[in-house]
């Protein structure tokens, strides 16, 4: 029996793409074609929550770092560079895992995203 080849993006590709911007994650959660797939839903929700967490930490650091001016601009810039690098590496880890079909779950937000995936 002939089975026509599947067209379109795989769930792994869609899940990885959900991490690129919050808009893409929202898009995949809003479009019926994608929002019925638990794997895609999990990564889209985790991406959104990761973005909220990173933005929140960014605001906190922006508010707190001026109190540490006594350390000097070099130390503060190095700290910010390390925070940005760490965020990038965690984001990259999520993208790679999603593209390879693995569910890397963050400690708190991963459990909530998992619950939303099967809702």
C-alpha atoms as a PDB file:
ATOM      1  CA  UNK A   1       0.000   0.000   0.000  1.00  0.00           C
ATOM      2  CA  UNK A   2       1.281   3.454  -0.913  1.00  0.00           C
ATOM      3  CA  UNK A   3       1.663   5.967   1.896  1.00  0.00           C
ATOM      4  CA  UNK A   4       2.313   9.511   0.700  1.00  0.00           C
ATOM      5  CA  UNK A   5       5.232  11.194   2.455  1.00  0.00           C
ATOM      6  CA  UNK A   6       4.437  13.545   5.292  1.00  0.00           C
ATOM      7  CA  UNK A   7       4.829  17.178   4.435  1.00  0.00           C
ATOM      8  CA  UNK A   8       5.502  20.075   6.735  1.00  0.00           C
ATOM      9  CA  UNK A   9       7.662  20.419   9.791  1.00  0.00           C
ATOM     10  CA  UNK A  10       8.232  17.662  12.317  1.00  0.00           C
ATOM     11  CA  UNK A  11       7.179  18.080  15.926  1.00  0.00           C
ATOM     12  CA  UNK A  12      10.855  18.279  16.903  1.00  0.00           C
ATOM     13  CA  UNK A  13      11.472  21.182  14.526  1.00  0.00           C
ATOM     14  CA  UNK A  14       8.357  23.023  15.670  1.00  0.00           C
ATOM     15  CA  UNK A  15       9.239  22.497  19.344  1.00  0.00           C
ATOM     16  CA  UNK A  16      12.760  23.835  18.770  1.00  0.00           C
ATOM     17  CA  UNK A  17      11.392  26.831  16.853  1.00  0.00           C
ATOM     18  CA  UNK A  18       9.102  27.662  19.787  1.00  0.00           C
ATOM     19  CA  UNK A  19      12.171  28.697  21.789  1.00  0.00           C
ATOM     20  CA  UNK A  20      13.283  31.372  19.314  1.00  0.00           C
ATOM     21  CA  UNK A  21      10.788  34.055  20.330  1.00  0.00           C
ATOM     22  CA  UNK A  22       7.772  34.240  22.616  1.00  0.00           C
ATOM     23  CA  UNK A  23       5.726  35.173  19.541  1.00  0.00           C
ATOM     24  CA  UNK A  24       6.517  31.829  17.919  1.00  0.00           C
ATOM     25  CA  UNK A  25       5.575  29.938  21.083  1.00  0.00           C
ATOM     26  CA  UNK A  26       2.268  31.815  21.241  1.00  0.00           C
ATOM     27  CA  UNK A  27       1.720  31.126  17.535  1.00  0.00           C
ATOM     28  CA  UNK A  28       2.195  27.378  18.019  1.00  0.00           C
ATOM     29  CA  UNK A  29      -0.166  27.416  20.998  1.00  0.00           C
ATOM     30  CA  UNK A  30      -2.797  29.369  19.077  1.00  0.00           C
ATOM     31  CA  UNK A  31      -2.848  27.491  15.757  1.00  0.00           C
ATOM     32  CA  UNK A  32      -5.064  24.408  15.835  1.00  0.00           C
ATOM     33  CA  UNK A  33      -2.711  22.437  13.604  1.00  0.00           C
ATOM     34  CA  UNK A  34       0.031  22.626  16.237  1.00  0.00           C
ATOM     35  CA  UNK A  35      -1.701  23.099  19.581  1.00  0.00           C
ATOM     36  CA  UNK A  36      -3.079  19.555  19.656  1.00  0.00           C
ATOM     37  CA  UNK A  37       0.399  18.017  19.782  1.00  0.00           C
ATOM     38  CA  UNK A  38       1.529  17.488  23.418  1.00  0.00           C
ATOM     39  CA  UNK A  39       5.233  17.608  22.548  1.00  0.00           C
ATOM     40  CA  UNK A  40       4.839  20.966  20.800  1.00  0.00           C
ATOM     41  CA  UNK A  41       2.599  22.317  23.575  1.00  0.00           C
ATOM     42  CA  UNK A  42       5.120  21.329  26.253  1.00  0.00           C
ATOM     43  CA  UNK A  43       8.010  23.131  24.601  1.00  0.00           C
ATOM     44  CA  UNK A  44       5.901  26.172  23.674  1.00  0.00           C
ATOM     45  CA  UNK A  45       4.722  26.572  27.281  1.00  0.00           C
ATOM     46  CA  UNK A  46       8.186  25.981  28.694  1.00  0.00           C
ATOM     47  CA  UNK A  47       9.587  28.542  26.249  1.00  0.00           C
ATOM     48  CA  UNK A  48       7.053  31.142  27.337  1.00  0.00           C
ATOM     49  CA  UNK A  49       7.721  30.533  31.015  1.00  0.00           C
ATOM     50  CA  UNK A  50      11.492  30.585  30.451  1.00  0.00           C
ATOM     51  CA  UNK A  51      11.147  33.962  28.718  1.00  0.00           C
ATOM     52  CA  UNK A  52       9.054  35.359  31.579  1.00  0.00           C
ATOM     53  CA  UNK A  53      11.650  34.081  34.065  1.00  0.00           C
ATOM     54  CA  UNK A  54      14.568  35.600  32.126  1.00  0.00           C
ATOM     55  CA  UNK A  55      12.804  38.951  31.750  1.00  0.00           C
ATOM     56  CA  UNK A  56      11.952  38.961  35.460  1.00  0.00           C
ATOM     57  CA  UNK A  57      15.535  38.191  36.445  1.00  0.00           C
ATOM     58  CA  UNK A  58      16.698  40.924  34.053  1.00  0.00           C
ATOM     59  CA  UNK A  59      14.504  43.489  35.781  1.00  0.00           C
ATOM     60  CA  UNK A  60      15.698  42.353  39.203  1.00  0.00           C
ATOM     61  CA  UNK A  61      19.351  42.570  38.162  1.00  0.00           C
ATOM     62  CA  UNK A  62      18.780  45.994  36.652  1.00  0.00           C
ATOM     63  CA  UNK A  63      17.269  47.182  39.935  1.00  0.00           C
ATOM     64  CA  UNK A  64      19.849  45.550  42.221  1.00  0.00           C
ATOM     65  CA  UNK A  65      23.147  46.090  40.392  1.00  0.00           C
ATOM     66  CA  UNK A  66      23.328  49.854  41.049  1.00  0.00           C
ATOM     67  CA  UNK A  67      23.714  49.019  44.752  1.00  0.00           C
ATOM     68  CA  UNK A  68      26.944  47.218  43.888  1.00  0.00           C
ATOM     69  CA  UNK A  69      28.622  50.153  42.122  1.00  0.00           C
ATOM     70  CA  UNK A  70      31.449  49.932  44.626  1.00  0.00           C
ATOM     71  CA  UNK A  71      32.648  46.785  42.795  1.00  0.00           C
ATOM     72  CA  UNK A  72      33.463  48.864  39.762  1.00  0.00           C
ATOM     73  CA  UNK A  73      32.145  48.853  36.212  1.00  0.00           C
ATOM     74  CA  UNK A  74      34.496  46.063  35.084  1.00  0.00           C
ATOM     75  CA  UNK A  75      33.192  43.591  37.652  1.00  0.00           C
ATOM     76  CA  UNK A  76      29.562  44.520  36.974  1.00  0.00           C
ATOM     77  CA  UNK A  77      30.042  44.183  33.214  1.00  0.00           C
ATOM     78  CA  UNK A  78      31.719  40.803  33.704  1.00  0.00           C
ATOM     79  CA  UNK A  79      28.833  39.655  35.905  1.00  0.00           C
ATOM     80  CA  UNK A  80      26.271  40.775  33.320  1.00  0.00           C
ATOM     81  CA  UNK A  81      28.243  39.088  30.534  1.00  0.00           C
ATOM     82  CA  UNK A  82      28.289  35.825  32.510  1.00  0.00           C
ATOM     83  CA  UNK A  83      24.545  36.075  33.178  1.00  0.00           C
ATOM     84  CA  UNK A  84      23.860  36.652  29.480  1.00  0.00           C
ATOM     85  CA  UNK A  85      26.160  33.785  28.482  1.00  0.00           C
ATOM     86  CA  UNK A  86      24.511  31.425  30.979  1.00  0.00           C
ATOM     87  CA  UNK A  87      21.058  32.387  29.688  1.00  0.00           C
ATOM     88  CA  UNK A  88      22.165  31.805  26.108  1.00  0.00           C
ATOM     89  CA  UNK A  89      23.632  28.388  26.934  1.00  0.00           C
ATOM     90  CA  UNK A  90      20.457  27.280  28.733  1.00  0.00           C
ATOM     91  CA  UNK A  91      18.362  28.496  25.784  1.00  0.00           C
ATOM     92  CA  UNK A  92      20.630  26.633  23.347  1.00  0.00           C
ATOM     93  CA  UNK A  93      20.368  23.489  25.465  1.00  0.00           C
ATOM     94  CA  UNK A  94      16.561  23.714  25.279  1.00  0.00           C
ATOM     95  CA  UNK A  95      16.602  24.178  21.501  1.00  0.00           C
ATOM     96  CA  UNK A  96      18.964  21.243  20.955  1.00  0.00           C
ATOM     97  CA  UNK A  97      16.969  18.950  23.241  1.00  0.00           C
ATOM     98  CA  UNK A  98      13.685  19.879  21.573  1.00  0.00           C
ATOM     99  CA  UNK A  99      15.179  19.337  18.111  1.00  0.00           C
ATOM    100  CA  UNK A 100      16.432  15.903  19.177  1.00  0.00           C
ATOM    101  CA  UNK A 101      13.082  14.808  20.607  1.00  0.00           C
ATOM    102  CA  UNK A 102      13.994  15.081  24.291  1.00  0.00           C
ATOM    103  CA  UNK A 103      11.954  16.768  26.999  1.00  0.00           C
ATOM    104  CA  UNK A 104      14.372  18.725  29.146  1.00  0.00           C
ATOM    105  CA  UNK A 105      12.267  20.021  32.036  1.00  0.00           C
ATOM    106  CA  UNK A 106      13.197  22.988  34.172  1.00  0.00           C
ATOM    107  CA  UNK A 107      12.684  22.312  37.897  1.00  0.00           C
ATOM    108  CA  UNK A 108       9.464  24.268  38.492  1.00  0.00           C
ATOM    109  CA  UNK A 109       8.245  25.608  35.185  1.00  0.00           C
ATOM    110  CA  UNK A 110       8.878  22.297  33.424  1.00  0.00           C
ATOM    111  CA  UNK A 111       6.319  20.500  35.579  1.00  0.00           C
ATOM    112  CA  UNK A 112       3.731  23.191  34.921  1.00  0.00           C
ATOM    113  CA  UNK A 113       4.477  23.112  31.176  1.00  0.00           C
ATOM    114  CA  UNK A 114       4.093  19.326  31.244  1.00  0.00           C
ATOM    115  CA  UNK A 115       0.651  19.679  32.855  1.00  0.00           C
ATOM    116  CA  UNK A 116      -0.374  22.211  30.192  1.00  0.00           C
ATOM    117  CA  UNK A 117       0.824  19.915  27.411  1.00  0.00           C
ATOM    118  CA  UNK A 118      -1.764  17.268  28.256  1.00  0.00           C
ATOM    119  CA  UNK A 119      -4.634  19.611  29.036  1.00  0.00           C
END
